[in-house]
Protein backbone atom coordinates (compact mmCIF):
# COMPACT_ATOMS: atom_id res chain seq x y z
CA UNK A 1 117.18 106.49 80.46
CA UNK A 2 117.22 102.91 81.79
CA UNK A 3 119.96 103.73 84.29
CA UNK A 4 117.50 106.04 86.06
CA UNK A 5 114.67 103.49 86.30
CA UNK A 6 113.89 100.72 88.77
CA UNK A 7 110.97 98.27 88.95
CA UNK A 8 109.86 96.37 92.04
CA UNK A 9 108.79 92.79 92.51
CA UNK A 10 108.45 90.72 95.62
CA UNK A 11 106.46 88.33 97.66
CA UNK A 12 103.02 88.87 99.06
CA UNK A 13 102.72 88.70 102.87
CA UNK A 14 101.61 85.05 103.06
CA UNK A 15 105.06 84.02 101.74
CA UNK A 16 106.90 85.59 104.71
CA UNK A 17 107.42 83.73 108.00
CA UNK A 18 105.65 86.61 109.80
CA UNK A 19 102.72 86.54 107.30
CA UNK A 20 100.75 89.82 107.69
CA UNK A 21 102.28 90.92 111.01
CA UNK A 22 104.22 94.04 110.04
CA UNK A 23 105.10 94.63 113.71
CA UNK A 24 107.25 91.47 113.70
CA UNK A 25 110.92 92.45 114.17
CA UNK A 26 111.89 90.47 111.05
CA UNK A 27 109.45 92.49 108.95
CA UNK A 28 110.73 95.73 110.46
CA UNK A 29 114.31 94.67 109.65
CA UNK A 30 113.37 93.87 106.05
CA UNK A 31 111.66 97.23 105.66
CA UNK A 32 114.78 99.01 107.02
CA UNK A 33 116.99 97.23 104.49
CA UNK A 34 114.58 98.01 101.66
CA UNK A 35 114.38 101.68 102.65
CA UNK A 36 118.19 101.85 102.68
CA UNK A 37 118.37 100.32 99.21
CA UNK A 38 115.73 102.66 97.76
CA UNK A 39 117.58 105.59 99.33
CA UNK A 40 120.87 104.46 97.81
CA UNK A 41 119.27 104.06 94.40
CA UNK A 42 117.86 107.59 94.61
CA UNK A 43 121.26 108.93 95.64
CA UNK A 44 122.80 107.11 92.67
CA UNK A 45 120.45 108.88 90.27
CA UNK A 46 117.48 106.55 89.96
CA UNK A 47 114.45 108.83 89.63
CA UNK A 48 111.67 106.67 88.23
CA UNK A 49 110.32 103.73 90.20
CA UNK A 50 107.75 101.29 88.78
CA UNK A 51 105.47 99.27 91.04
CA UNK A 52 102.87 96.62 90.29
CA UNK A 53 101.29 97.43 93.68
CA UNK A 54 100.86 93.84 94.83
CA UNK A 55 100.26 93.50 98.56
CA UNK A 56 103.44 93.25 100.60
CA UNK A 57 106.79 94.14 99.06
CA UNK A 58 105.44 96.26 96.19
CA UNK A 59 103.29 98.39 98.45
CA UNK A 60 106.05 98.84 101.04
CA UNK A 61 108.59 99.87 98.41
CA UNK A 62 106.10 102.25 96.81
CA UNK A 63 105.49 103.97 100.15
CA UNK A 64 109.25 104.28 100.64
CA UNK A 65 109.56 106.10 97.31
CA UNK A 66 106.77 108.47 98.32
CA UNK A 67 108.46 109.09 101.68
CA UNK A 68 111.74 109.94 99.93
CA UNK A 69 109.95 112.09 97.38
CA UNK A 70 108.93 114.47 100.17
CA UNK A 71 112.57 115.66 100.23
CA UNK A 72 113.48 114.81 96.64
CA UNK A 73 110.76 115.96 94.22
CA UNK A 74 112.70 114.50 91.27
CA UNK A 75 111.56 111.02 92.34
CA UNK A 76 108.56 109.58 90.52
CA UNK A 77 106.35 106.63 91.38
CA UNK A 78 104.68 104.90 88.44
CA UNK A 79 102.03 102.30 89.32
CA UNK A 80 101.38 99.68 86.68
CA UNK A 81 98.34 97.66 87.73
CA UNK A 82 97.17 94.35 86.25
CA UNK A 83 93.47 95.27 86.38
CA UNK A 84 90.90 97.29 88.27
CA UNK A 85 89.95 95.79 91.61
CA UNK A 86 93.40 94.34 92.29
CA UNK A 87 93.03 95.07 96.02
CA UNK A 88 89.38 94.06 96.23
CA UNK A 89 89.93 91.02 98.46
CA UNK A 90 92.58 92.58 100.71
CA UNK A 91 91.94 93.65 104.31
CA UNK A 92 90.37 97.06 104.84
CA UNK A 93 93.62 98.60 106.08
CA UNK A 94 95.60 97.15 103.16
CA UNK A 95 93.05 98.57 100.72
CA UNK A 96 93.28 102.00 102.38
CA UNK A 97 97.07 102.00 102.08
CA UNK A 98 96.85 100.84 98.45
CA UNK A 99 94.44 103.61 97.46
CA UNK A 100 96.39 106.26 99.40
CA UNK A 101 99.54 105.32 97.45
CA UNK A 102 97.70 105.37 94.12
CA UNK A 103 96.41 108.89 94.87
CA UNK A 104 100.00 110.09 95.39
CA UNK A 105 101.54 108.24 92.43
CA UNK A 106 102.81 110.23 89.47
CA UNK A 107 101.16 107.84 87.04
CA UNK A 108 98.69 104.97 87.32
CA UNK A 109 98.27 102.67 84.34
CA UNK A 110 96.27 99.47 83.91
CA UNK A 111 97.28 96.51 81.80
CA UNK A 112 93.54 95.88 81.49
CA UNK A 113 90.43 97.33 83.08
CA UNK A 114 89.05 93.80 83.57
CA UNK A 115 90.80 90.80 85.08
CA UNK A 116 91.90 88.08 82.66
CA UNK A 117 94.02 84.99 83.13
CA UNK A 118 97.56 86.23 82.61
CA UNK A 119 97.08 89.93 83.43
CA UNK A 120 99.45 89.62 86.41
CA UNK A 121 102.14 88.08 84.20
CA UNK A 122 101.61 90.77 81.58
CA UNK A 123 101.92 93.41 84.32
CA UNK A 124 105.17 91.87 85.53
CA UNK A 125 106.61 91.79 82.01
CA UNK A 126 105.73 95.44 81.47
CA UNK A 127 107.40 96.38 84.75
CA UNK A 128 110.64 94.68 83.70
CA UNK A 129 110.47 96.18 80.21
CA UNK A 130 110.05 99.68 81.68
CA UNK A 131 113.15 99.63 83.87
CA UNK A 132 116.87 99.07 83.74
CA UNK A 133 117.00 97.59 87.25
CA UNK A 134 114.71 95.12 89.01
CA UNK A 135 114.70 95.26 92.81
CA UNK A 136 113.28 91.93 93.98
CA UNK A 137 112.30 90.77 97.46
CA UNK A 138 112.82 87.12 96.69
CA UNK A 139 113.27 84.02 98.87
CA UNK A 140 114.59 81.78 96.09
CA UNK A 141 111.42 79.76 95.49
CA UNK A 142 111.48 78.05 92.13
CA UNK A 143 107.83 78.87 91.34
CA UNK A 144 105.61 81.91 91.53
CA UNK A 145 105.26 85.41 90.19
CA UNK A 146 108.39 86.82 91.80
CA UNK A 147 110.54 84.00 90.43
CA UNK A 148 109.03 84.42 86.96
CA UNK A 149 109.65 88.17 87.05
CA UNK A 150 113.28 87.71 88.09
CA UNK A 151 113.73 85.14 85.30
CA UNK A 152 112.21 87.51 82.75
CA UNK A 153 114.55 90.30 83.89
CA UNK A 154 117.50 87.94 83.43
CA UNK A 155 116.25 87.00 79.97
CA UNK A 156 116.12 90.69 79.00
CA UNK A 157 119.56 91.35 80.46
CA UNK A 158 118.38 93.72 83.18
CA UNK A 159 120.38 94.49 86.27
CA UNK A 160 118.84 92.73 89.25
CA UNK A 161 119.14 93.37 92.98
CA UNK A 162 117.70 90.61 95.15
CA UNK A 163 116.99 91.12 98.84
CA UNK A 164 116.39 87.79 100.57
CA UNK A 165 113.60 88.57 103.06
CA UNK A 166 114.76 86.49 106.04
CA UNK A 167 118.57 86.57 105.90
CA UNK A 168 118.49 90.11 104.42
CA UNK A 169 121.37 89.14 102.12
CA UNK A 170 121.59 91.32 99.04
CA UNK A 171 122.84 89.99 95.72
CA UNK A 172 123.36 91.76 92.41
CA UNK A 173 123.52 90.57 88.85
CA UNK A 174 123.83 92.36 85.53
CA UNK A 175 123.07 91.60 81.92
CA UNK A 176 121.48 88.20 82.37
CA UNK A 177 124.17 86.81 84.68
CA UNK A 178 123.06 84.85 87.72
């Protein structure tokens, strides 16, 4: 079952050089690479995708799964949210996109209905535990949620695909290897 499952993690927009400007050519290039990778995973038999629905990478990847699902109904999007109100402080357009994706998801599950210190970490752990592969949009920072999620996936021996958001280099590791 794990060979057919993939979880997403990645940076929020403020970590990218283009910040929230999705019209920036570098953002468009990253999205093209991510769409190619999601398409390849689907072609390779990955059917279940797990997203924590954080702004930025998670939301983009989730939309890509939904776009592919239009032609491949075997694909499933599972949204695992840290708490209700996750998108409450986002821009209006980001909130609209978030809620539109949730409405189309195959499942929506909350770690907790109410926010608590650590609910994001618990969400990230559950994402990794649910999937055999972690697809990470990760710039190599030594701190932060994306780094912690990649480290947890390594600890559990999950396969990891890292897409570096600026260079667009893709690296792979398996079974806890760096």
